[in-house]
Amino acid sequence: MATSLKPQSVEAGWMTRWWHDSLLLLRGAPVSFVTLYLVLLLLNVAWQPLILSIPIACGVMAIIFAVAMAVHQGRTQLIDVGRSIRDVPWWSLSRLVLEIALLVMALLMLMLLFRHYLAGILSHDHISSVATLHNLRSPEWQSLPEWLRSLITNGLGTAQTMLSNAFLLLSVGVIVAGITTRAYLALLAGIQAVLVNVRVWLVFLLASLLLQSCITFLSARLHTFGAALLVSILGVALLLLVGLYGWCFVREAFGLPGAQMAKRVAAAVWRPESDMRINFLPITTVLAALIMNIPAVCAEDAIPANPCTGPSALLALLDRPTVSDSACVVQYGQAVLELGYQHANLTGTGGNTNNFPEAELHFGLPGNNEFVLLPPNNNLQQVPGSPHLQGFSATTVGIKHELGYTKHWLGSVESLFTLPSGSPAFSSRGLGVAVNGIVTYAPSNDTGISLQLGITSQTNPALAGGGRFTSVNPDITFTWLPLWNLQFYGEVYGQSRTGPGLGPGFDADGGVQYLLSPYCEVDFEEGVRLSGNLGGFTHYFGAGMGFLF
């Protein structure tokens, strides 16, 4: 077991490697894991209050981790697995839960400044499977037995809680593994491990949003007892699989490196069954021959220039004026400020809207990460025959991680959180979440193609009903840089849903960007509606500036 709280970076290929490791654990102690599955079924049949979802998830994680740790160490007998669960430092775990509860309470009290976020968390605004099903009132759902409704709600809700709170999952694992018994140290270690492994965390978060989307889709279609029972059985199996993936995450972040861990798992699981030996010499010989025959790579291709630096770097770093975000991250120690103005003509009303200052702040962080803040935007809407509306939009915060780059390719992932804030006509009633993947391809030195695909869960303003909807958002942007300080772009973007109960919508825009200096940019843009009602406008124009510090 690891003796240090300093987390490590997870090796590449972790998704398939953890799947293989999980199967090895299941095969090594099938009786123990079948028993664990039945225990999870019984635990989730009971009614669980929504406010206790995090403490319950911590307990479930601790049980799964204890079983996985015992099997990993070769203790596959049922009595040994039971002792492993008994020996979990439950008192330290309860202190961790208490500290998490105090931290969440402090954050929620702070969020009360943003239009009573606490009330939204405790009602249907919370983005979670358990909240969605708790507040489902369809006749078909209500006709199902209460125990079956609890089984579906609790199983899927706990799985999503574990996925969306990776830092908590790691903190519990640190305590169960015996690395520390101090709750606050475990919590700090879990948060640090997430920051070190941003890619894994973003995949976990994306899986959480996909699970929420699946539950929203299935909740309206669970019309029969058989279908609901099947979903509940699969839900508990998913919960167990998420727990095993979490254990692998803990082991690699605080224990052995991934490749050695896979060998340790295989050895521990199969030791009682045989003394089979595998001769790796022929395999090693073949691999060595293949490696020796790979052509040499020239120095220029081996270490390509960073596409996010240089005299034109600011054009690559800015998110504006396009709807898609940049694949680049601001370098550590630097910051970017964006400002702008936009005038739009509204669809079917003859009215218009103006918004400014369209501020956006980017701060470079270590490890190819970037923190982004979008403060409230001032909006003024004028419709003939109706009172003028004026107010502020919601505040958004997020983080972006650059995956890497080659001579022609650049990739990144980002997660954005829209806080429940703003004026009734332009606010976000509940918490909004967006996860985006961004890939840029440069066919030549002066042309580029950017592809962005995102998944969002967001709410309308309170004045528009505050309904929640989930959408898949594609975006493609073309750029041309005829001069080092001049860039033209064209973009087409859309959403699979533009509001609760509404269909898809697509818009297009284009514009020009000009660098007054390597540290100051000005831009002009114009956009038009293609189909649907995305943005609520027929066309718009705008202008803005960007600054690099």
Protein backbone atom coordinates (compact mmCIF):
# COMPACT_ATOMS: atom_id res chain seq x y z
CA MET A 1 0.00 0.00 0.00
CA ALA A 2 1.09 3.54 -0.63
CA THR A 3 2.56 5.52 2.24
CA SER A 4 2.42 8.96 0.65
CA LEU A 5 -0.52 11.29 0.17
CA LYS A 6 1.10 12.82 -2.91
CA PRO A 7 -1.04 11.70 -5.88
CA GLN A 8 0.41 10.45 -9.14
CA SER A 9 -0.68 10.99 -12.71
CA VAL A 10 -2.67 8.07 -14.13
CA GLU A 11 -0.99 6.39 -17.09
CA ALA A 12 -2.56 6.52 -20.55
CA GLY A 13 -5.00 3.78 -21.52
CA TRP A 14 -6.62 3.78 -18.09
CA MET A 15 -10.17 3.18 -19.34
CA THR A 16 -9.53 -0.21 -20.94
CA ARG A 17 -6.95 -1.15 -18.31
CA TRP A 18 -9.44 -0.56 -15.48
CA TRP A 19 -12.07 -2.58 -17.32
CA HIS A 20 -9.60 -5.48 -17.51
CA ASP A 21 -8.65 -5.06 -13.84
CA SER A 22 -12.31 -5.00 -12.79
CA LEU A 23 -13.01 -8.25 -14.66
CA LEU A 24 -10.01 -9.86 -12.97
CA LEU A 25 -11.33 -8.86 -9.56
CA LEU A 26 -14.81 -10.21 -10.35
CA ARG A 27 -13.42 -13.51 -11.59
CA GLY A 28 -11.12 -13.82 -8.60
CA ALA A 29 -13.92 -13.81 -6.01
CA PRO A 30 -17.29 -14.36 -7.73
CA VAL A 31 -19.02 -15.45 -4.52
CA SER A 32 -17.91 -12.33 -2.67
CA PHE A 33 -19.02 -9.98 -5.44
CA VAL A 34 -22.37 -11.75 -5.90
CA THR A 35 -22.92 -11.32 -2.17
CA LEU A 36 -21.89 -7.67 -2.44
CA TYR A 37 -24.35 -7.20 -5.33
CA LEU A 38 -27.19 -8.64 -3.23
CA VAL A 39 -26.23 -6.39 -0.31
CA LEU A 40 -26.36 -3.36 -2.61
CA LEU A 41 -29.78 -4.48 -3.85
CA LEU A 42 -31.10 -4.66 -0.28
CA LEU A 43 -29.57 -1.31 0.67
CA ASN A 44 -31.11 0.45 -2.31
CA VAL A 45 -34.58 -1.04 -1.85
CA ALA A 46 -35.00 1.06 1.30
CA TRP A 47 -36.18 4.66 0.93
CA GLN A 48 -33.30 7.14 1.14
CA PRO A 49 -33.84 10.89 1.66
CA LEU A 50 -32.38 13.09 -1.06
CA ILE A 51 -30.42 15.24 1.38
CA LEU A 52 -28.42 12.17 2.54
CA SER A 53 -27.31 11.15 -0.96
CA ILE A 54 -23.65 12.08 -0.38
CA PRO A 55 -23.25 10.31 3.02
CA ILE A 56 -24.95 7.21 1.61
CA ALA A 57 -22.70 7.29 -1.46
CA CYS A 58 -19.65 7.48 0.84
CA GLY A 59 -20.79 4.40 2.73
CA VAL A 60 -21.46 2.45 -0.46
CA MET A 61 -18.06 3.44 -1.86
CA ALA A 62 -16.34 2.32 1.35
CA ILE A 63 -17.98 -1.12 1.18
CA ILE A 64 -17.09 -1.64 -2.50
CA PHE A 65 -13.52 -0.44 -1.92
CA ALA A 66 -13.09 -2.75 1.08
CA VAL A 67 -14.19 -5.78 -0.95
CA ALA A 68 -12.00 -4.81 -3.92
CA MET A 69 -9.00 -4.23 -1.64
CA ALA A 70 -9.39 -7.64 0.00
CA VAL A 71 -9.63 -9.45 -3.34
CA HIS A 72 -6.75 -7.39 -4.71
CA GLN A 73 -4.59 -8.61 -1.83
CA GLY A 74 -5.53 -12.24 -2.51
CA ARG A 75 -8.06 -12.62 0.33
CA THR A 76 -10.88 -14.05 -1.76
CA GLN A 77 -12.76 -16.06 0.89
CA LEU A 78 -16.11 -14.63 1.97
CA ILE A 79 -15.11 -14.49 5.64
CA ASP A 80 -11.95 -12.51 4.77
CA VAL A 81 -13.95 -10.06 2.67
CA GLY A 82 -16.37 -9.59 5.57
CA ARG A 83 -13.49 -8.83 7.91
CA SER A 84 -12.18 -6.28 5.43
CA ILE A 85 -15.50 -4.44 5.56
CA ARG A 86 -15.47 -4.65 9.35
CA ASP A 87 -11.98 -3.18 9.51
CA VAL A 88 -12.83 -0.09 7.49
CA PRO A 89 -12.02 3.00 9.63
CA TRP A 90 -15.67 4.00 9.85
CA TRP A 91 -15.05 6.71 12.43
CA SER A 92 -12.56 8.49 10.15
CA LEU A 93 -15.00 8.04 7.28
CA SER A 94 -17.80 9.61 9.30
CA ARG A 95 -15.59 12.60 10.06
CA LEU A 96 -14.89 12.95 6.33
CA VAL A 97 -18.63 12.94 5.64
CA LEU A 98 -19.15 15.55 8.34
CA GLU A 99 -16.44 17.81 6.91
CA ILE A 100 -17.91 17.41 3.42
CA ALA A 101 -21.34 18.32 4.79
CA LEU A 102 -19.94 21.43 6.47
CA LEU A 103 -18.12 22.42 3.27
CA VAL A 104 -21.24 21.92 1.16
CA MET A 105 -23.31 23.87 3.68
CA ALA A 106 -20.85 26.77 3.55
CA LEU A 107 -20.92 26.77 -0.25
CA LEU A 108 -24.71 26.64 -0.33
CA MET A 109 -24.96 29.53 2.10
CA LEU A 110 -22.61 31.44 -0.18
CA MET A 111 -24.75 30.54 -3.18
CA LEU A 112 -27.78 32.04 -1.44
CA LEU A 113 -26.44 35.30 -2.79
CA PHE A 114 -27.28 33.94 -6.25
CA ARG A 115 -31.07 33.70 -6.00
CA HIS A 116 -31.55 31.04 -3.36
CA TYR A 117 -29.46 28.24 -4.79
CA LEU A 118 -30.15 26.19 -1.66
CA ALA A 119 -33.83 26.02 -2.51
CA GLY A 120 -32.94 24.82 -6.00
CA ILE A 121 -30.64 22.08 -4.70
CA LEU A 122 -33.36 20.70 -2.44
CA SER A 123 -35.98 20.77 -5.22
CA HIS A 124 -36.16 19.63 -8.83
CA ASP A 125 -33.44 21.99 -10.06
CA HIS A 126 -30.60 19.72 -8.91
CA ILE A 127 -28.88 17.91 -11.78
CA SER A 128 -28.96 14.32 -10.57
CA SER A 129 -30.68 11.07 -11.40
CA VAL A 130 -32.00 10.74 -7.88
CA ALA A 131 -33.57 14.21 -7.97
CA THR A 132 -35.10 13.58 -11.39
CA LEU A 133 -36.77 10.38 -10.22
CA HIS A 134 -37.71 11.74 -6.80
CA ASN A 135 -39.71 14.47 -8.49
CA LEU A 136 -41.19 12.33 -11.27
CA ARG A 137 -44.99 12.45 -11.07
CA SER A 138 -46.10 10.50 -14.16
CA PRO A 139 -48.95 8.00 -13.60
CA GLU A 140 -46.85 5.12 -14.96
CA TRP A 141 -44.03 5.84 -12.50
CA GLN A 142 -46.39 6.23 -9.57
CA SER A 143 -48.06 2.90 -10.40
CA LEU A 144 -44.80 0.99 -9.82
CA PRO A 145 -44.22 -0.53 -6.36
CA GLU A 146 -42.50 1.80 -3.94
CA TRP A 147 -39.61 -0.59 -3.35
CA LEU A 148 -38.92 -0.77 -7.09
CA ARG A 149 -38.99 3.01 -7.44
CA SER A 150 -36.52 3.27 -4.54
CA LEU A 151 -34.25 0.63 -6.07
CA ILE A 152 -34.03 2.46 -9.40
CA THR A 153 -33.70 5.90 -7.82
CA ASN A 154 -31.08 4.96 -5.24
CA GLY A 155 -28.95 2.71 -7.45
CA LEU A 156 -28.64 5.14 -10.33
CA GLY A 157 -28.51 8.18 -8.06
CA THR A 158 -25.61 6.77 -6.03
CA ALA A 159 -23.74 5.79 -9.21
CA GLN A 160 -24.08 9.33 -10.54
CA THR A 161 -23.04 10.85 -7.21
CA MET A 162 -19.86 8.77 -7.30
CA LEU A 163 -19.10 9.76 -10.90
CA SER A 164 -19.75 13.46 -10.46
CA ASN A 165 -17.77 13.74 -7.19
CA ALA A 166 -14.47 12.10 -8.12
CA PHE A 167 -12.62 13.99 -5.39
CA LEU A 168 -14.96 12.46 -2.80
CA LEU A 169 -14.49 9.01 -4.30
CA LEU A 170 -10.70 9.39 -3.99
CA SER A 171 -10.94 10.78 -0.45
CA VAL A 172 -12.94 7.75 0.69
CA GLY A 173 -10.46 5.45 -1.03
CA VAL A 174 -7.54 7.07 0.80
CA ILE A 175 -9.19 6.32 4.15
CA VAL A 176 -10.28 2.78 3.26
CA ALA A 177 -6.80 1.93 1.96
CA GLY A 178 -5.30 3.06 5.27
CA ILE A 179 -3.12 5.76 3.73
CA THR A 180 -4.40 8.23 6.34
CA THR A 181 -7.11 8.34 8.98
CA ARG A 182 -7.31 12.13 9.11
CA ALA A 183 -10.40 13.25 7.26
CA TYR A 184 -9.16 16.69 6.22
CA LEU A 185 -5.93 15.22 4.80
CA ALA A 186 -7.95 12.67 2.84
CA LEU A 187 -10.18 15.42 1.47
CA LEU A 188 -7.20 17.54 0.39
CA ALA A 189 -5.53 14.51 -1.17
CA GLY A 190 -8.68 13.69 -3.13
CA ILE A 191 -8.94 17.24 -4.49
CA GLN A 192 -5.24 17.28 -5.40
CA ALA A 193 -5.55 13.91 -7.17
CA VAL A 194 -8.41 15.28 -9.30
CA LEU A 195 -6.29 18.30 -10.29
CA VAL A 196 -3.39 16.04 -11.22
CA ASN A 197 -5.70 13.82 -13.30
CA VAL A 198 -8.01 16.35 -14.93
CA ARG A 199 -8.58 14.13 -17.96
CA VAL A 200 -9.92 11.26 -15.87
CA TRP A 201 -12.10 13.64 -13.85
CA LEU A 202 -13.63 15.15 -16.99
CA VAL A 203 -14.43 11.68 -18.35
CA PHE A 204 -16.09 10.80 -15.03
CA LEU A 205 -18.06 14.05 -15.18
CA LEU A 206 -19.12 13.40 -18.78
CA ALA A 207 -20.25 9.89 -17.79
CA SER A 208 -22.31 11.45 -15.00
CA LEU A 209 -24.05 13.79 -17.46
CA LEU A 210 -24.66 10.94 -19.89
CA LEU A 211 -26.20 8.90 -17.09
CA GLN A 212 -28.46 11.83 -16.22
CA SER A 213 -29.52 12.10 -19.87
CA CYS A 214 -30.29 8.37 -20.02
CA ILE A 215 -32.38 8.59 -16.86
CA THR A 216 -34.29 11.59 -18.20
CA PHE A 217 -34.97 9.58 -21.39
CA LEU A 218 -35.96 6.37 -19.59
CA SER A 219 -38.05 8.00 -16.87
CA ALA A 220 -40.80 8.76 -19.38
CA ARG A 221 -40.72 5.22 -20.79
CA LEU A 222 -40.77 2.96 -17.73
CA HIS A 223 -44.37 1.91 -18.31
CA THR A 224 -44.19 -1.74 -17.22
CA PHE A 225 -43.02 -3.62 -14.16
CA GLY A 226 -40.64 -5.80 -16.20
CA ALA A 227 -38.88 -2.86 -17.83
CA ALA A 228 -38.49 -1.09 -14.49
CA LEU A 229 -37.11 -4.26 -12.86
CA LEU A 230 -34.56 -4.68 -15.65
CA VAL A 231 -33.41 -1.07 -15.29
CA SER A 232 -33.06 -1.50 -11.52
CA ILE A 233 -30.95 -4.66 -11.89
CA LEU A 234 -28.69 -2.99 -14.44
CA GLY A 235 -28.52 0.13 -12.28
CA VAL A 236 -27.09 -1.76 -9.30
CA ALA A 237 -24.62 -3.55 -11.63
CA LEU A 238 -23.55 -0.13 -12.93
CA LEU A 239 -23.13 1.07 -9.34
CA LEU A 240 -20.80 -1.86 -8.62
CA LEU A 241 -18.80 -1.23 -11.81
CA VAL A 242 -18.40 2.46 -10.97
CA GLY A 243 -17.12 1.45 -7.55
CA LEU A 244 -14.52 -0.89 -9.07
CA TYR A 245 -13.38 1.83 -11.46
CA GLY A 246 -13.11 4.12 -8.46
CA TRP A 247 -10.92 1.60 -6.67
CA CYS A 248 -8.63 1.38 -9.71
CA PHE A 249 -8.48 5.18 -9.73
CA VAL A 250 -7.45 5.21 -6.05
CA ARG A 251 -4.81 2.53 -6.57
CA GLU A 252 -3.17 4.28 -9.50
CA ALA A 253 -3.40 7.78 -8.03
CA PHE A 254 -1.95 6.83 -4.64
CA GLY A 255 -0.39 3.41 -5.12
CA LEU A 256 1.43 1.57 -7.87
CA PRO A 257 1.67 2.77 -11.49
CA GLY A 258 -0.94 1.39 -13.84
CA ALA A 259 1.11 -1.26 -15.61
CA GLN A 260 2.47 -2.73 -12.36
CA MET A 261 -0.95 -2.59 -10.80
CA ALA A 262 -2.41 -4.76 -13.56
CA LYS A 263 0.28 -7.36 -12.89
CA ARG A 264 -0.41 -7.20 -9.13
CA VAL A 265 -4.14 -7.73 -9.70
CA ALA A 266 -3.59 -10.68 -11.98
CA ALA A 267 -1.12 -12.26 -9.56
CA ALA A 268 -3.38 -11.79 -6.55
CA VAL A 269 -6.47 -13.12 -8.28
CA TRP A 270 -5.01 -16.16 -10.00
CA ARG A 271 -2.42 -17.21 -7.42
CA PRO A 272 -4.67 -19.85 -5.78
CA GLU A 273 -5.63 -21.52 -9.05
CA SER A 274 -2.41 -22.39 -10.87
CA ASP A 275 1.30 -21.83 -11.18
CA MET A 276 1.10 -21.19 -14.91
CA ARG A 277 4.11 -19.40 -16.32
CA ILE A 278 4.09 -17.33 -19.52
CA ASN A 279 7.24 -17.04 -21.60
CA PHE A 280 7.42 -13.39 -22.64
CA LEU A 281 10.71 -13.79 -24.56
CA PRO A 282 9.11 -14.36 -28.02
CA ILE A 283 6.74 -11.44 -27.47
CA THR A 284 9.58 -9.18 -26.35
CA THR A 285 11.67 -10.21 -29.36
CA VAL A 286 8.86 -9.39 -31.80
CA LEU A 287 8.21 -6.01 -30.17
CA ALA A 288 11.91 -5.15 -30.22
CA ALA A 289 12.08 -5.99 -33.92
CA LEU A 290 9.08 -3.79 -34.66
CA ILE A 291 10.49 -0.87 -32.68
CA MET A 292 13.87 -1.14 -34.37
CA ASN A 293 12.21 -0.98 -37.79
CA ILE A 294 10.22 2.20 -37.10
CA PRO A 295 11.64 4.98 -39.33
CA ALA A 296 13.54 7.72 -37.58
CA VAL A 297 11.59 10.94 -37.01
CA CYS A 298 13.16 14.25 -37.84
CA ALA A 299 13.64 16.76 -35.01
CA GLU A 300 11.10 19.19 -36.51
CA ASP A 301 8.30 16.57 -36.34
CA ALA A 302 9.40 15.18 -32.97
CA ILE A 303 9.05 18.52 -31.18
CA PRO A 304 6.48 20.64 -33.05
CA ALA A 305 6.02 24.29 -32.18
CA ASN A 306 3.25 25.06 -29.71
CA PRO A 307 0.35 26.42 -31.84
CA CYS A 308 -0.85 28.51 -28.86
CA THR A 309 2.30 30.66 -28.71
CA GLY A 310 4.06 33.11 -31.00
CA PRO A 311 3.21 36.57 -32.39
CA SER A 312 -0.37 35.53 -33.31
CA ALA A 313 -0.99 33.69 -30.03
CA LEU A 314 -3.81 36.01 -28.92
CA LEU A 315 -5.89 35.07 -31.99
CA ALA A 316 -5.59 31.41 -30.99
CA LEU A 317 -6.30 31.99 -27.28
CA LEU A 318 -9.48 34.09 -27.57
CA ASP A 319 -12.89 32.44 -27.31
CA ARG A 320 -14.63 35.44 -28.90
CA PRO A 321 -16.06 36.24 -31.33
CA THR A 322 -16.95 32.63 -32.21
CA VAL A 323 -19.54 30.64 -30.28
CA SER A 324 -17.11 27.73 -29.96
CA ASP A 325 -14.26 27.99 -27.50
CA SER A 326 -10.59 27.86 -28.35
CA ALA A 327 -8.72 24.57 -28.05
CA CYS A 328 -5.73 26.50 -26.64
CA VAL A 329 -5.22 27.20 -22.97
CA VAL A 330 -3.62 30.36 -21.62
CA GLN A 331 -0.02 29.73 -20.60
CA TYR A 332 0.76 29.50 -16.89
CA GLY A 333 1.38 32.98 -15.48
CA GLN A 334 -0.62 34.75 -18.21
CA ALA A 335 -4.21 36.01 -18.41
CA VAL A 336 -6.61 37.00 -21.20
CA LEU A 337 -9.48 39.50 -20.95
CA GLU A 338 -12.32 39.67 -23.49
CA LEU A 339 -14.89 42.47 -23.87
CA GLY A 340 -17.63 43.06 -26.44
CA TYR A 341 -21.01 44.38 -27.52
CA GLN A 342 -23.78 42.65 -29.49
CA HIS A 343 -27.03 43.86 -31.08
CA ALA A 344 -29.60 41.24 -32.20
CA ASN A 345 -32.99 41.45 -33.92
CA LEU A 346 -35.46 39.11 -32.27
CA THR A 347 -37.47 36.47 -34.13
CA GLY A 348 -41.13 37.29 -34.89
CA THR A 349 -41.46 40.27 -32.55
CA GLY A 350 -39.85 43.16 -34.38
CA GLY A 351 -37.86 43.80 -31.24
CA ASN A 352 -34.17 43.81 -30.51
CA THR A 353 -31.76 43.15 -27.69
CA ASN A 354 -28.39 44.62 -26.75
CA ASN A 355 -25.91 43.01 -24.41
CA PHE A 356 -22.55 44.11 -23.04
CA PRO A 357 -19.78 43.99 -21.83
CA GLU A 358 -19.57 40.26 -22.72
CA ALA A 359 -16.62 39.99 -20.36
CA GLU A 360 -14.60 36.79 -20.10
CA LEU A 361 -11.45 36.19 -18.06
CA HIS A 362 -8.95 33.36 -18.64
CA PHE A 363 -6.18 32.52 -16.18
CA GLY A 364 -3.37 30.09 -17.04
CA LEU A 365 -2.84 27.31 -14.49
CA PRO A 366 -0.09 24.70 -14.10
CA GLY A 367 -0.39 21.42 -15.95
CA ASN A 368 -1.82 22.85 -19.19
CA ASN A 369 -4.99 23.97 -17.42
CA GLU A 370 -7.00 27.18 -17.63
CA PHE A 371 -9.59 28.72 -15.32
CA VAL A 372 -12.33 30.78 -16.98
CA LEU A 373 -14.79 33.25 -15.48
CA LEU A 374 -17.75 34.81 -17.30
CA PRO A 375 -19.20 37.58 -15.10
CA PRO A 376 -22.86 38.68 -15.49
CA ASN A 377 -23.71 40.32 -18.80
CA ASN A 378 -26.00 43.37 -18.98
CA ASN A 379 -28.99 42.86 -21.30
CA LEU A 380 -31.52 45.40 -22.63
CA GLN A 381 -34.48 43.98 -24.58
CA GLN A 382 -36.97 46.17 -26.45
CA VAL A 383 -40.14 44.74 -28.04
CA PRO A 384 -42.85 47.03 -29.53
CA GLY A 385 -45.94 47.08 -27.35
CA SER A 386 -44.19 45.45 -24.38
CA PRO A 387 -42.31 46.88 -21.41
CA HIS A 388 -38.56 47.10 -21.85
CA LEU A 389 -36.61 44.38 -20.04
CA GLN A 390 -33.25 45.05 -18.48
CA GLY A 391 -31.16 42.74 -16.33
CA PHE A 392 -28.07 40.61 -15.91
CA SER A 393 -27.31 37.12 -17.12
CA ALA A 394 -25.94 34.31 -14.99
CA THR A 395 -22.32 33.90 -13.90
CA THR A 396 -20.32 31.02 -15.39
CA VAL A 397 -17.07 29.44 -14.20
CA GLY A 398 -15.12 26.59 -15.70
CA ILE A 399 -11.85 24.83 -16.32
CA LYS A 400 -10.18 23.73 -19.54
CA HIS A 401 -7.41 21.17 -19.99
CA GLU A 402 -5.21 20.90 -23.08
CA LEU A 403 -4.74 17.24 -23.98
CA GLY A 404 -1.77 17.84 -26.28
CA TYR A 405 -0.76 18.86 -29.79
CA THR A 406 1.17 17.77 -32.87
CA LYS A 407 2.25 19.66 -35.96
CA HIS A 408 -1.33 19.68 -37.30
CA TRP A 409 -3.60 18.72 -34.39
CA LEU A 410 -4.59 20.22 -31.05
CA GLY A 411 -7.12 18.87 -28.55
CA SER A 412 -8.66 19.95 -25.26
CA VAL A 413 -11.61 19.31 -22.97
CA GLU A 414 -13.47 21.76 -20.76
CA SER A 415 -16.23 21.84 -18.19
CA LEU A 416 -18.38 24.91 -17.52
CA PHE A 417 -20.77 25.57 -14.64
CA THR A 418 -23.49 28.22 -14.92
CA LEU A 419 -24.51 29.34 -11.45
CA PRO A 420 -28.17 29.96 -10.56
CA SER A 421 -27.96 33.74 -10.71
CA GLY A 422 -28.97 36.81 -12.69
CA SER A 423 -32.18 38.76 -13.29
CA PRO A 424 -35.50 36.89 -13.75
CA ALA A 425 -35.65 37.59 -17.51
CA PHE A 426 -32.05 36.59 -18.31
CA SER A 427 -30.98 34.30 -15.45
CA SER A 428 -30.32 30.61 -15.05
CA ARG A 429 -32.87 29.29 -12.57
CA GLY A 430 -30.87 26.16 -11.76
CA LEU A 431 -27.27 25.02 -12.01
CA GLY A 432 -26.17 24.56 -15.62
CA VAL A 433 -23.37 22.21 -16.66
CA ALA A 434 -21.56 21.91 -19.99
CA VAL A 435 -18.83 19.48 -21.03
CA ASN A 436 -17.06 20.16 -24.34
CA GLY A 437 -14.45 18.40 -26.40
CA ILE A 438 -12.53 20.64 -28.82
CA VAL A 439 -10.25 19.50 -31.64
CA THR A 440 -8.41 21.82 -34.05
CA TYR A 441 -6.81 20.70 -37.31
CA ALA A 442 -4.41 22.91 -39.28
CA PRO A 443 -4.06 21.73 -42.91
CA SER A 444 -1.51 24.52 -43.50
CA ASN A 445 0.18 27.35 -41.63
CA ASP A 446 -2.59 29.84 -42.47
CA THR A 447 -5.79 27.73 -42.36
CA GLY A 448 -7.56 25.85 -39.59
CA ILE A 449 -10.66 23.80 -38.84
CA SER A 450 -12.06 23.60 -35.32
CA LEU A 451 -14.59 20.98 -34.22
CA GLN A 452 -16.40 21.25 -30.90
CA LEU A 453 -18.92 18.78 -29.50
CA GLY A 454 -20.59 19.44 -26.18
CA ILE A 455 -23.33 18.20 -23.90
CA THR A 456 -25.22 20.71 -21.76
CA SER A 457 -27.86 20.56 -19.08
CA GLN A 458 -29.29 24.00 -18.43
CA THR A 459 -32.40 25.86 -17.29
CA ASN A 460 -34.38 28.71 -18.79
CA PRO A 461 -34.69 32.05 -16.95
CA ALA A 462 -37.27 32.18 -14.16
CA LEU A 463 -39.47 34.52 -16.24
CA ALA A 464 -39.59 31.89 -19.00
CA GLY A 465 -40.62 29.12 -16.62
CA GLY A 466 -37.18 27.93 -15.49
CA GLY A 467 -37.56 24.55 -17.22
CA ARG A 468 -34.53 22.29 -17.60
CA PHE A 469 -33.40 20.66 -20.83
CA THR A 470 -30.40 18.69 -22.06
CA SER A 471 -28.80 19.25 -25.44
CA VAL A 472 -26.01 17.97 -27.67
CA ASN A 473 -24.20 20.89 -29.30
CA PRO A 474 -22.06 20.49 -32.46
CA ASP A 475 -19.92 23.30 -33.84
CA ILE A 476 -17.53 23.66 -36.78
CA THR A 477 -15.37 26.74 -37.46
CA PHE A 478 -13.09 27.57 -40.39
CA THR A 479 -10.28 30.13 -40.07
CA TRP A 480 -7.91 31.81 -42.54
CA LEU A 481 -4.86 33.83 -41.51
CA PRO A 482 -3.59 35.74 -44.58
CA LEU A 483 -1.35 37.93 -42.38
CA TRP A 484 0.16 37.27 -38.97
CA ASN A 485 -2.20 39.86 -37.42
CA LEU A 486 -5.35 39.36 -39.56
CA GLN A 487 -7.78 36.44 -39.35
CA PHE A 488 -11.14 35.69 -41.00
CA TYR A 489 -13.52 33.02 -39.76
CA GLY A 490 -16.83 31.33 -40.57
CA GLU A 491 -18.84 29.12 -38.23
CA VAL A 492 -21.93 26.88 -38.14
CA TYR A 493 -23.25 25.71 -34.79
CA GLY A 494 -26.39 24.17 -33.32
CA GLN A 495 -28.19 22.47 -30.46
CA SER A 496 -30.28 19.30 -30.48
CA ARG A 497 -32.77 21.09 -28.21
CA THR A 498 -33.25 24.84 -27.82
CA GLY A 499 -35.54 24.63 -24.79
CA PRO A 500 -37.85 22.32 -22.83
CA GLY A 501 -40.03 20.52 -25.38
CA LEU A 502 -38.43 22.34 -28.33
CA GLY A 503 -36.57 20.89 -31.28
CA PRO A 504 -33.12 21.59 -32.72
CA GLY A 505 -31.77 24.92 -33.95
CA PHE A 506 -28.82 26.00 -36.08
CA ASP A 507 -27.13 29.36 -36.67
CA ALA A 508 -24.13 30.61 -38.62
CA ASP A 509 -21.76 33.52 -38.12
CA GLY A 510 -18.59 35.01 -39.52
CA GLY A 511 -16.22 37.88 -38.92
CA VAL A 512 -12.75 39.32 -38.85
CA GLN A 513 -10.10 39.70 -36.13
CA TYR A 514 -7.17 42.12 -36.20
CA LEU A 515 -4.18 42.41 -33.87
CA LEU A 516 -3.26 45.99 -33.03
CA SER A 517 -0.27 44.46 -31.25
CA PRO A 518 0.55 40.95 -29.98
CA TYR A 519 -1.27 41.93 -26.77
CA CYS A 520 -4.40 43.68 -28.11
CA GLU A 521 -7.08 42.46 -30.59
CA VAL A 522 -10.23 43.98 -32.13
CA ASP A 523 -12.96 42.01 -33.92
CA PHE A 524 -16.23 42.40 -35.80
CA GLU A 525 -18.88 39.70 -36.24
CA GLU A 526 -22.25 39.04 -37.84
CA GLY A 527 -24.57 36.06 -37.37
CA VAL A 528 -27.81 34.74 -38.85
CA ARG A 529 -30.41 32.13 -37.94
CA LEU A 530 -30.47 29.03 -40.16
CA SER A 531 -33.26 26.97 -38.60
CA GLY A 532 -35.12 26.54 -35.34
CA ASN A 533 -35.05 29.12 -32.58
CA LEU A 534 -31.51 28.96 -31.23
CA GLY A 535 -30.78 32.28 -29.54
CA GLY A 536 -34.18 33.75 -30.43
CA PHE A 537 -32.80 36.09 -33.14
CA THR A 538 -33.00 36.46 -36.91
CA HIS A 539 -29.57 38.05 -37.19
CA TYR A 540 -27.06 39.98 -35.09
CA PHE A 541 -23.84 41.97 -35.30
CA GLY A 542 -21.22 42.83 -32.74
CA ALA A 543 -17.72 44.04 -31.98
CA GLY A 544 -15.19 43.45 -29.26
CA MET A 545 -11.62 43.46 -28.01
CA GLY A 546 -9.19 41.03 -26.42
CA PHE A 547 -6.14 41.63 -24.25
CA LEU A 548 -3.24 39.39 -23.29
CA PHE A 549 -1.48 40.06 -19.97
